[in-house]
Amino acid sequence: MGVCPAAVETRINGTNHGINGGRSCWAVTGTFCGGSVQGTFAQKIFNCMDCDFYKSVVSEEAGAFVPSKTIITVLRSV
């Protein structure tokens, strides 16, 4: 499958204290999860919100959590 797009997405480096898109993968199109390529944000967000990793990031970041809308705005503007 190659390298997950979240791992090389530099436009959101540092978001949610992650490297590249690693702690914002739910907002990155075409990420790898469960052994398959995921679609767009709209296609995958409900699955992502049920993901233990997503829940962990939300909990760990608490008040500093960067919401999806902000992340997507950055991805679209750069």
C-alpha atoms as a PDB file:
ATOM      1  CA  MET A   1       0.000   0.000   0.000  1.00  0.00           C
ATOM      2  CA  GLY A   2       2.952   2.327   0.430  1.00  0.00           C
ATOM      3  CA  VAL A   3       3.202   5.235   2.839  1.00  0.00           C
ATOM      4  CA  CYS A   4       0.044   6.536   4.497  1.00  0.00           C
ATOM      5  CA  PRO A   5      -0.803  10.070   3.316  1.00  0.00           C
ATOM      6  CA  ALA A   6      -1.092  11.247   6.940  1.00  0.00           C
ATOM      7  CA  ALA A   7       2.548  10.340   7.525  1.00  0.00           C
ATOM      8  CA  VAL A   8       3.751  12.686   4.785  1.00  0.00           C
ATOM      9  CA  GLU A   9       1.172  15.499   5.070  1.00  0.00           C
ATOM     10  CA  THR A  10       3.453  18.364   6.122  1.00  0.00           C
ATOM     11  CA  ARG A  11       0.867  21.162   5.889  1.00  0.00           C
ATOM     12  CA  ILE A  12      -0.566  20.209   9.270  1.00  0.00           C
ATOM     13  CA  ASN A  13       2.703  19.306  10.963  1.00  0.00           C
ATOM     14  CA  GLY A  14       2.410  19.936  14.702  1.00  0.00           C
ATOM     15  CA  THR A  15      -1.389  19.854  14.748  1.00  0.00           C
ATOM     16  CA  ASN A  16      -2.593  18.103  17.887  1.00  0.00           C
ATOM     17  CA  HIS A  17       1.107  17.783  18.791  1.00  0.00           C
ATOM     18  CA  GLY A  18       1.692  15.327  15.960  1.00  0.00           C
ATOM     19  CA  ILE A  19       4.324  14.860  13.296  1.00  0.00           C
ATOM     20  CA  ASN A  20       2.992  15.773   9.856  1.00  0.00           C
ATOM     21  CA  GLY A  21      -0.651  14.591   9.771  1.00  0.00           C
ATOM     22  CA  GLY A  22      -0.156  11.769  12.242  1.00  0.00           C
ATOM     23  CA  ARG A  23      -2.469  13.080  14.960  1.00  0.00           C
ATOM     24  CA  SER A  24      -4.999  14.484  12.508  1.00  0.00           C
ATOM     25  CA  CYS A  25      -5.343  11.516  10.163  1.00  0.00           C
ATOM     26  CA  TRP A  26      -9.146  11.697  10.137  1.00  0.00           C
ATOM     27  CA  ALA A  27      -8.943  14.954   8.168  1.00  0.00           C
ATOM     28  CA  VAL A  28      -6.481  13.626   5.569  1.00  0.00           C
ATOM     29  CA  THR A  29      -7.945  12.070   2.427  1.00  0.00           C
ATOM     30  CA  GLY A  30      -6.872   8.557   1.450  1.00  0.00           C
ATOM     31  CA  THR A  31      -5.368   7.408   4.723  1.00  0.00           C
ATOM     32  CA  PHE A  32      -4.804   3.725   5.449  1.00  0.00           C
ATOM     33  CA  CYS A  33      -6.896   2.092   8.140  1.00  0.00           C
ATOM     34  CA  GLY A  34      -7.848  -1.497   8.740  1.00  0.00           C
ATOM     35  CA  GLY A  35      -5.759  -2.633   5.786  1.00  0.00           C
ATOM     36  CA  SER A  36      -7.535  -0.487   3.208  1.00  0.00           C
ATOM     37  CA  VAL A  37      -7.461   3.000   1.740  1.00  0.00           C
ATOM     38  CA  GLN A  38     -10.022   5.344   3.274  1.00  0.00           C
ATOM     39  CA  GLY A  39     -11.850   8.046   1.351  1.00  0.00           C
ATOM     40  CA  THR A  40     -12.512  11.704   1.935  1.00  0.00           C
ATOM     41  CA  PHE A  41     -13.198  13.295   5.291  1.00  0.00           C
ATOM     42  CA  ALA A  42     -16.937  13.192   4.655  1.00  0.00           C
ATOM     43  CA  GLN A  43     -16.787   9.500   3.772  1.00  0.00           C
ATOM     44  CA  LYS A  44     -14.763   8.398   6.763  1.00  0.00           C
ATOM     45  CA  ILE A  45     -15.309  10.778   9.700  1.00  0.00           C
ATOM     46  CA  PHE A  46     -18.011   8.729  11.411  1.00  0.00           C
ATOM     47  CA  ASN A  47     -15.772   5.655  11.371  1.00  0.00           C
ATOM     48  CA  CYS A  48     -12.877   7.783  12.586  1.00  0.00           C
ATOM     49  CA  MET A  49     -14.906   9.189  15.470  1.00  0.00           C
ATOM     50  CA  ASP A  50     -15.416   5.612  16.646  1.00  0.00           C
ATOM     51  CA  CYS A  51     -11.670   4.865  16.394  1.00  0.00           C
ATOM     52  CA  ASP A  52      -9.693   4.367  19.611  1.00  0.00           C
ATOM     53  CA  PHE A  53      -6.803   6.464  18.248  1.00  0.00           C
ATOM     54  CA  TYR A  54      -9.105   9.402  17.457  1.00  0.00           C
ATOM     55  CA  LYS A  55     -10.661   9.179  20.904  1.00  0.00           C
ATOM     56  CA  SER A  56      -7.203   9.072  22.458  1.00  0.00           C
ATOM     57  CA  VAL A  57      -6.083  12.228  20.629  1.00  0.00           C
ATOM     58  CA  VAL A  58      -9.265  14.077  21.620  1.00  0.00           C
ATOM     59  CA  SER A  59      -8.761  13.067  25.252  1.00  0.00           C
ATOM     60  CA  GLU A  60      -5.024  13.804  25.373  1.00  0.00           C
ATOM     61  CA  GLU A  61      -5.346  17.199  23.708  1.00  0.00           C
ATOM     62  CA  ALA A  62      -8.393  18.205  25.793  1.00  0.00           C
ATOM     63  CA  GLY A  63      -8.818  21.981  25.441  1.00  0.00           C
ATOM     64  CA  ALA A  64      -5.972  22.204  22.919  1.00  0.00           C
ATOM     65  CA  PHE A  65      -7.610  19.789  20.455  1.00  0.00           C
ATOM     66  CA  VAL A  66      -7.621  21.277  16.952  1.00  0.00           C
ATOM     67  CA  PRO A  67     -11.037  20.596  15.388  1.00  0.00           C
ATOM     68  CA  SER A  68     -11.471  18.999  11.984  1.00  0.00           C
ATOM     69  CA  LYS A  69     -12.902  22.173  10.440  1.00  0.00           C
ATOM     70  CA  THR A  70      -9.697  24.056  11.261  1.00  0.00           C
ATOM     71  CA  ILE A  71      -7.493  21.266   9.919  1.00  0.00           C
ATOM     72  CA  ILE A  72      -9.446  21.005   6.670  1.00  0.00           C
ATOM     73  CA  THR A  73      -9.273  24.787   6.211  1.00  0.00           C
ATOM     74  CA  VAL A  74      -5.487  24.579   6.437  1.00  0.00           C
ATOM     75  CA  LEU A  75      -5.349  21.648   4.013  1.00  0.00           C
ATOM     76  CA  ARG A  76      -7.495  23.479   1.480  1.00  0.00           C
ATOM     77  CA  SER A  77      -5.727  26.836   1.748  1.00  0.00           C
ATOM     78  CA  VAL A  78      -2.129  25.762   1.294  1.00  0.00           C
END
